Amino acid sequence: MKAVYLTHHFKNPEEISLPCTDRPQPRPKSGECLVKVCSAGVNPSDALGALGYFSHARLPRIPGRDFSGIIIEGKSHLIGKRVYGSGGAAGLDFDGTHAEFALIPESAIAEIPSSLSLTQAGAQTLPYVTAYYSLVARANIQPGEKILVIGALGQVGSAAMSICFWKGCHPIALVKNEFDIQKTNAFNWKAYHVPPSHLSFDVIFNTIGNPYWDDLLNLLSRHGRMVIIAAPEGKREVNLNLFHLYRKNHHILGINSVDCDYTENARMLNALTPGFESGLLVPLPIDPAATFPITEATKAYQLVCKNSSGKRVMLSISNG
């Protein structure tokens, strides 16, 4: 089978070179399925993995966490199902999904909602499960709550906004500048480019680390939750007044999606299915200019490293 194959780590993004090579097609063991991969997202964690950011990752390996495709081997009642998924350790601790075929556990079956094509489905996985894990599973958002979504025009931020609306919450977007506020007008979002000091929020979805840290804490209502999904280099250290933390019953929640395996992510994708099928969850768009055949994986990985526009970078692997 054709597969992206990582034999060593690279020192910087410009050096990334990922050949598409012939690898043995995997064979499913008991409790596994073989998926013919149609499309796969290329995530920042995939690119960071190529740069050696995960010290535990093994070499050589096939990278890739996300997939959409069709089960072609496994128990008879599963063959032919359209499935999608994301595995936290996939492409790091074991061979991943940037290949024509991939193995997934039977316990990790998440059927693609009828409203999504195979290609669309491959773009939704990690952004949507990260947002769902953060807001629903960990922050336990409730109807009517006010939520500040930082980086709302990014992939995970867009998914977070959609989930908030679906769950009957009142999200407000925090974006970079006035130009981005104009972009949010197309979605009828209420948006700011600096934290709105006159408001308070039940939940703050933090995708940027320590910028605005003190301001954000001051925006949290009693029993408010700060959900932190990222801390870029140089934006990791904060000061925290424990007196204010306990007096206001605040919660600060760290979210590491790498800890969620195929099976846990499949449960969350299945929970998202009614939202997609009802049309309340808006699929992340696919940009043809950011979609590459598997033979051009190098371009996809390099684009992820320098992409700041929030577009989803994809590998198109087969037609299903």
Protein backbone atom coordinates (compact mmCIF):
# COMPACT_ATOMS: atom_id res chain seq x y z
CA MET A 1 0.00 0.00 0.00
CA LYS A 2 1.02 3.64 -0.43
CA ALA A 3 1.85 5.35 2.84
CA VAL A 4 3.61 8.39 4.24
CA TYR A 5 6.66 7.07 6.08
CA LEU A 6 8.62 8.95 8.71
CA THR A 7 12.11 7.52 9.25
CA HIS A 8 13.66 10.38 11.23
CA HIS A 9 12.74 13.70 12.79
CA PHE A 10 13.44 17.07 11.20
CA LYS A 11 15.02 20.13 12.81
CA ASN A 12 12.68 22.71 11.30
CA PRO A 13 9.55 22.81 9.09
CA GLU A 14 11.49 23.73 5.95
CA GLU A 15 13.39 20.43 6.16
CA ILE A 16 10.30 18.22 6.37
CA SER A 17 10.34 15.67 3.57
CA LEU A 18 7.87 12.81 3.76
CA PRO A 19 8.09 10.36 0.89
CA CYS A 20 5.11 8.28 -0.08
CA THR A 21 6.45 4.73 -0.12
CA ASP A 22 5.19 1.18 -0.51
CA ARG A 23 4.51 -0.46 2.85
CA PRO A 24 3.00 -3.84 3.71
CA GLN A 25 -0.78 -3.71 3.97
CA PRO A 26 -1.76 -4.35 7.61
CA ARG A 27 -3.79 -7.41 8.49
CA PRO A 28 -6.50 -7.16 11.14
CA LYS A 29 -6.22 -9.33 14.22
CA SER A 30 -9.14 -10.45 16.34
CA GLY A 31 -11.04 -7.38 17.49
CA GLU A 32 -9.72 -5.17 14.68
CA CYS A 33 -11.04 -3.84 11.37
CA LEU A 34 -9.20 -2.81 8.24
CA VAL A 35 -10.28 0.55 6.84
CA LYS A 36 -9.65 1.75 3.32
CA VAL A 37 -8.80 5.38 4.03
CA CYS A 38 -10.52 8.01 1.90
CA SER A 39 -9.31 11.24 3.48
CA ALA A 40 -7.32 12.31 6.50
CA GLY A 41 -6.71 15.60 8.22
CA VAL A 42 -3.16 16.78 8.77
CA ASN A 43 -3.09 18.24 12.26
CA PRO A 44 -0.56 20.46 14.02
CA SER A 45 0.28 17.47 16.23
CA ASP A 46 1.15 15.45 13.11
CA ALA A 47 3.58 18.15 12.00
CA LEU A 48 5.01 18.49 15.51
CA GLY A 49 5.49 14.73 15.55
CA ALA A 50 7.58 14.98 12.39
CA LEU A 51 9.66 17.63 14.17
CA GLY A 52 10.33 15.34 17.13
CA TYR A 53 8.16 17.11 19.71
CA PHE A 54 6.93 13.82 21.20
CA SER A 55 9.90 12.11 22.82
CA HIS A 56 8.02 8.83 23.33
CA ALA A 57 7.09 8.45 19.64
CA ARG A 58 8.68 5.53 17.86
CA LEU A 59 10.59 5.51 14.58
CA PRO A 60 10.11 4.59 11.81
CA ARG A 61 6.33 4.98 11.57
CA ILE A 62 3.36 5.97 9.44
CA PRO A 63 2.06 9.27 10.90
CA GLY A 64 -1.52 10.51 11.07
CA ARG A 65 -4.31 10.60 13.71
CA ASP A 66 -7.48 11.21 11.67
CA PHE A 67 -9.28 9.22 9.01
CA SER A 68 -12.47 8.64 7.13
CA GLY A 69 -13.02 5.55 5.06
CA ILE A 70 -14.80 2.24 4.53
CA ILE A 71 -14.34 -0.99 6.48
CA ILE A 72 -13.19 -3.67 4.06
CA GLU A 73 -12.09 -6.42 6.48
CA GLY A 74 -13.48 -7.47 9.85
CA LYS A 75 -16.70 -9.00 11.11
CA SER A 76 -19.23 -9.44 8.35
CA HIS A 77 -21.79 -6.98 9.77
CA LEU A 78 -19.14 -4.22 9.78
CA ILE A 79 -17.87 -4.58 6.21
CA GLY A 80 -18.95 -1.69 4.00
CA LYS A 81 -19.66 0.73 6.83
CA ARG A 82 -18.55 4.33 6.33
CA VAL A 83 -16.51 5.24 9.39
CA TYR A 84 -14.33 8.02 10.71
CA GLY A 85 -12.17 8.59 13.74
CA SER A 86 -9.13 9.99 15.47
CA GLY A 87 -6.60 8.31 17.72
CA GLY A 88 -4.48 10.30 20.15
CA ALA A 89 -1.45 7.99 19.97
CA ALA A 90 -2.05 6.99 16.34
CA GLY A 91 0.90 7.98 14.19
CA LEU A 92 3.08 8.37 17.29
CA ASP A 93 3.13 5.16 19.33
CA PHE A 94 1.93 3.00 16.44
CA ASP A 95 1.35 3.35 12.71
CA GLY A 96 -1.27 5.95 11.87
CA THR A 97 -3.67 6.86 9.13
CA HIS A 98 -1.72 8.67 6.42
CA ALA A 99 -1.83 5.56 4.30
CA GLU A 100 -4.19 3.75 1.96
CA PHE A 101 -5.23 1.36 4.75
CA ALA A 102 -5.36 1.59 8.54
CA LEU A 103 -6.32 -0.68 11.42
CA ILE A 104 -8.87 0.38 14.03
CA PRO A 105 -10.37 -1.53 16.97
CA GLU A 106 -13.92 -2.85 16.64
CA SER A 107 -14.67 -0.83 19.77
CA ALA A 108 -13.81 2.35 17.84
CA ILE A 109 -16.54 2.23 15.20
CA ALA A 110 -18.07 5.64 14.58
CA GLU A 111 -20.31 5.64 11.53
CA ILE A 112 -20.22 8.78 9.43
CA PRO A 113 -23.43 10.83 9.74
CA SER A 114 -25.63 10.61 6.68
CA SER A 115 -25.25 14.36 6.17
CA LEU A 116 -21.48 14.11 5.60
CA SER A 117 -19.59 12.76 2.61
CA LEU A 118 -16.53 10.58 3.10
CA THR A 119 -14.30 13.49 2.20
CA GLN A 120 -16.09 15.92 4.54
CA ALA A 121 -15.96 13.45 7.41
CA GLY A 122 -12.18 13.27 7.34
CA ALA A 123 -12.01 17.00 8.04
CA GLN A 124 -14.21 16.97 11.16
CA THR A 125 -12.62 14.43 13.47
CA LEU A 126 -9.92 15.97 15.69
CA PRO A 127 -11.33 19.53 15.79
CA TYR A 128 -14.79 18.34 16.77
CA VAL A 129 -13.72 15.72 19.31
CA THR A 130 -11.33 18.22 20.92
CA ALA A 131 -14.10 20.80 21.23
CA TYR A 132 -16.62 18.22 22.48
CA TYR A 133 -14.19 16.73 24.99
CA SER A 134 -13.35 20.22 26.28
CA LEU A 135 -16.80 21.75 26.48
CA VAL A 136 -19.19 18.85 26.99
CA ALA A 137 -17.19 16.07 28.64
CA ARG A 138 -14.96 18.24 30.84
CA ALA A 139 -16.57 21.68 31.27
CA ASN A 140 -20.11 20.24 31.29
CA ILE A 141 -21.64 23.20 29.47
CA GLN A 142 -25.35 23.74 30.09
CA PRO A 143 -28.12 25.41 28.06
CA GLY A 144 -28.19 29.15 28.61
CA GLU A 145 -24.56 29.46 29.73
CA LYS A 146 -22.35 32.22 28.33
CA ILE A 147 -19.14 31.01 26.73
CA LEU A 148 -16.16 32.95 25.39
CA VAL A 149 -14.46 31.09 22.54
CA ILE A 150 -10.93 32.36 21.92
CA GLY A 151 -9.71 31.75 18.38
CA ALA A 152 -13.23 31.11 17.15
CA LEU A 153 -12.18 31.27 13.48
CA GLY A 154 -9.69 28.42 13.91
CA GLN A 155 -10.56 24.78 13.34
CA VAL A 156 -11.22 23.81 16.95
CA GLY A 157 -12.67 27.24 17.74
CA SER A 158 -15.18 26.96 14.89
CA ALA A 159 -16.20 23.51 16.11
CA ALA A 160 -16.52 24.91 19.64
CA MET A 161 -18.83 27.70 18.47
CA SER A 162 -21.00 25.20 16.63
CA ILE A 163 -21.23 22.89 19.65
CA CYS A 164 -22.19 25.80 21.90
CA PHE A 165 -25.08 26.79 19.63
CA TRP A 166 -26.16 23.14 19.36
CA LYS A 167 -26.21 22.81 23.14
CA GLY A 168 -28.29 25.95 23.61
CA CYS A 169 -25.46 28.10 24.99
CA HIS A 170 -24.62 31.71 24.18
CA PRO A 171 -21.10 31.80 22.69
CA ILE A 172 -19.14 34.94 21.94
CA ALA A 173 -16.09 34.86 19.67
CA LEU A 174 -12.75 36.41 20.56
CA VAL A 175 -10.66 36.94 17.41
CA LYS A 176 -7.39 38.64 16.48
CA ASN A 177 -8.46 41.94 14.98
CA GLU A 178 -11.19 44.02 13.34
CA PHE A 179 -10.66 42.24 10.03
CA ASP A 180 -11.51 38.93 11.69
CA ILE A 181 -14.59 40.48 13.25
CA GLN A 182 -15.78 41.22 9.71
CA LYS A 183 -15.35 37.52 8.93
CA THR A 184 -17.54 36.55 11.86
CA ASN A 185 -20.37 38.68 10.48
CA ALA A 186 -20.97 36.00 7.85
CA PHE A 187 -21.87 33.58 10.67
CA ASN A 188 -23.94 36.09 12.67
CA TRP A 189 -21.60 35.67 15.63
CA LYS A 190 -21.15 38.29 18.30
CA ALA A 191 -17.40 38.94 18.37
CA TYR A 192 -14.65 41.04 19.97
CA HIS A 193 -10.93 41.39 19.32
CA VAL A 194 -10.08 42.17 22.95
CA PRO A 195 -11.66 40.58 26.03
CA PRO A 196 -14.99 42.33 26.71
CA SER A 197 -14.48 43.64 30.25
CA HIS A 198 -18.16 44.48 30.70
CA LEU A 199 -19.26 40.84 30.39
CA SER A 200 -18.87 37.69 32.44
CA PHE A 201 -18.73 34.09 31.26
CA ASP A 202 -19.53 30.67 32.66
CA VAL A 203 -16.88 29.05 30.47
CA ILE A 204 -13.81 30.41 28.66
CA PHE A 205 -12.38 28.24 25.89
CA ASN A 206 -8.68 29.15 25.86
CA THR A 207 -6.68 28.25 22.74
CA ILE A 208 -3.82 30.74 23.19
CA GLY A 209 -2.21 30.23 26.59
CA ASN A 210 -1.30 33.19 28.79
CA PRO A 211 -2.21 36.30 26.71
CA TYR A 212 -4.94 38.26 28.53
CA TRP A 213 -4.64 35.81 31.47
CA ASP A 214 -5.59 38.22 34.26
CA ASP A 215 -8.32 39.79 32.16
CA LEU A 216 -9.78 36.38 31.36
CA LEU A 217 -9.84 35.28 34.98
CA ASN A 218 -11.69 38.46 35.86
CA LEU A 219 -14.32 37.59 33.23
CA LEU A 220 -15.14 34.24 34.83
CA SER A 221 -18.37 34.17 36.79
CA ARG A 222 -18.74 32.27 40.06
CA HIS A 223 -18.25 28.55 39.40
CA GLY A 224 -16.77 29.53 36.04
CA ARG A 225 -14.54 27.14 34.12
CA MET A 226 -11.43 27.99 32.11
CA VAL A 227 -10.70 25.27 29.55
CA ILE A 228 -7.13 25.34 28.23
CA ILE A 229 -6.35 23.33 25.10
CA ALA A 230 -3.02 24.90 24.08
CA ALA A 231 -0.01 26.70 25.49
CA PRO A 232 2.36 27.76 22.71
CA GLU A 233 6.02 28.29 23.49
CA GLY A 234 6.54 31.59 25.25
CA LYS A 235 2.91 31.65 26.41
CA ARG A 236 2.95 28.98 29.12
CA GLU A 237 3.67 30.69 32.43
CA VAL A 238 0.98 32.45 34.49
CA ASN A 239 0.46 33.88 37.95
CA LEU A 240 -2.54 32.56 39.82
CA ASN A 241 -4.10 34.10 42.90
CA LEU A 242 -5.34 31.07 44.84
CA PHE A 243 -7.48 33.26 47.12
CA HIS A 244 -9.52 34.47 44.15
CA LEU A 245 -9.59 30.94 42.70
CA TYR A 246 -11.24 29.35 45.71
CA ARG A 247 -13.40 32.31 46.70
CA LYS A 248 -15.09 32.29 43.30
CA ASN A 249 -15.16 28.49 42.98
CA HIS A 250 -13.29 28.63 39.69
CA HIS A 251 -12.18 25.57 37.76
CA ILE A 252 -9.13 25.50 35.49
CA LEU A 253 -9.21 22.48 33.18
CA GLY A 254 -6.29 21.28 31.09
CA ILE A 255 -7.22 19.38 27.93
CA ASN A 256 -4.81 16.98 26.21
CA SER A 257 -6.53 15.30 23.28
CA VAL A 258 -3.55 12.97 22.77
CA ASP A 259 -4.84 11.02 25.79
CA CYS A 260 -8.06 10.14 23.94
CA ASP A 261 -7.71 6.90 21.98
CA TYR A 262 -9.69 5.68 18.98
CA THR A 263 -12.39 4.15 21.18
CA GLU A 264 -12.95 7.22 23.37
CA ASN A 265 -13.01 9.50 20.34
CA ALA A 266 -15.48 7.18 18.61
CA ARG A 267 -17.87 7.57 21.55
CA MET A 268 -17.66 11.35 21.20
CA LEU A 269 -18.13 11.26 17.43
CA ASN A 270 -21.20 9.07 17.89
CA ALA A 271 -22.54 11.59 20.42
CA LEU A 272 -22.05 14.33 17.80
CA THR A 273 -24.01 12.45 15.12
CA PRO A 274 -27.44 13.92 16.00
CA GLY A 275 -25.98 17.41 15.77
CA PHE A 276 -24.56 16.84 12.30
CA GLU A 277 -27.69 15.10 11.04
CA SER A 278 -29.94 17.86 12.36
CA GLY A 279 -27.82 20.52 10.63
CA LEU A 280 -27.11 22.30 13.93
CA LEU A 281 -23.45 21.32 13.78
CA VAL A 282 -21.77 23.05 10.85
CA PRO A 283 -19.09 20.94 9.11
CA LEU A 284 -15.66 22.51 8.82
CA PRO A 285 -15.14 23.49 5.17
CA ILE A 286 -12.62 21.84 2.89
CA ASP A 287 -10.36 24.12 0.90
CA PRO A 288 -9.21 22.56 -2.40
CA ALA A 289 -6.02 24.65 -2.17
CA ALA A 290 -5.24 22.94 1.16
CA THR A 291 -6.03 19.41 -0.03
CA PHE A 292 -3.19 17.25 -1.34
CA PRO A 293 -2.82 13.73 -2.72
CA ILE A 294 -0.88 11.39 -0.45
CA THR A 295 2.07 11.66 -2.83
CA GLU A 296 2.35 15.35 -1.87
CA ALA A 297 2.25 14.87 1.89
CA THR A 298 5.36 17.00 2.29
CA LYS A 299 3.46 20.04 1.01
CA ALA A 300 0.58 19.34 3.39
CA TYR A 301 2.83 19.07 6.44
CA GLN A 302 4.76 22.19 5.55
CA LEU A 303 1.51 24.12 5.06
CA VAL A 304 0.30 23.05 8.51
CA CYS A 305 3.52 24.41 10.02
CA LYS A 306 2.97 27.87 8.58
CA ASN A 307 -0.82 27.97 8.32
CA SER A 308 -2.38 30.59 10.59
CA SER A 309 -5.65 31.09 8.72
CA GLY A 310 -7.54 28.26 10.38
CA LYS A 311 -8.03 26.31 7.14
CA ARG A 312 -8.16 22.51 7.38
CA VAL A 313 -5.24 20.81 5.63
CA MET A 314 -6.21 17.46 4.16
CA LEU A 315 -4.78 14.42 2.43
CA SER A 316 -7.00 12.92 -0.27
CA ILE A 317 -6.08 9.22 -0.32
CA SER A 318 -8.79 7.27 -2.18
CA ASN A 319 -12.30 7.62 -3.55
CA GLY A 320 -13.68 4.98 -1.20
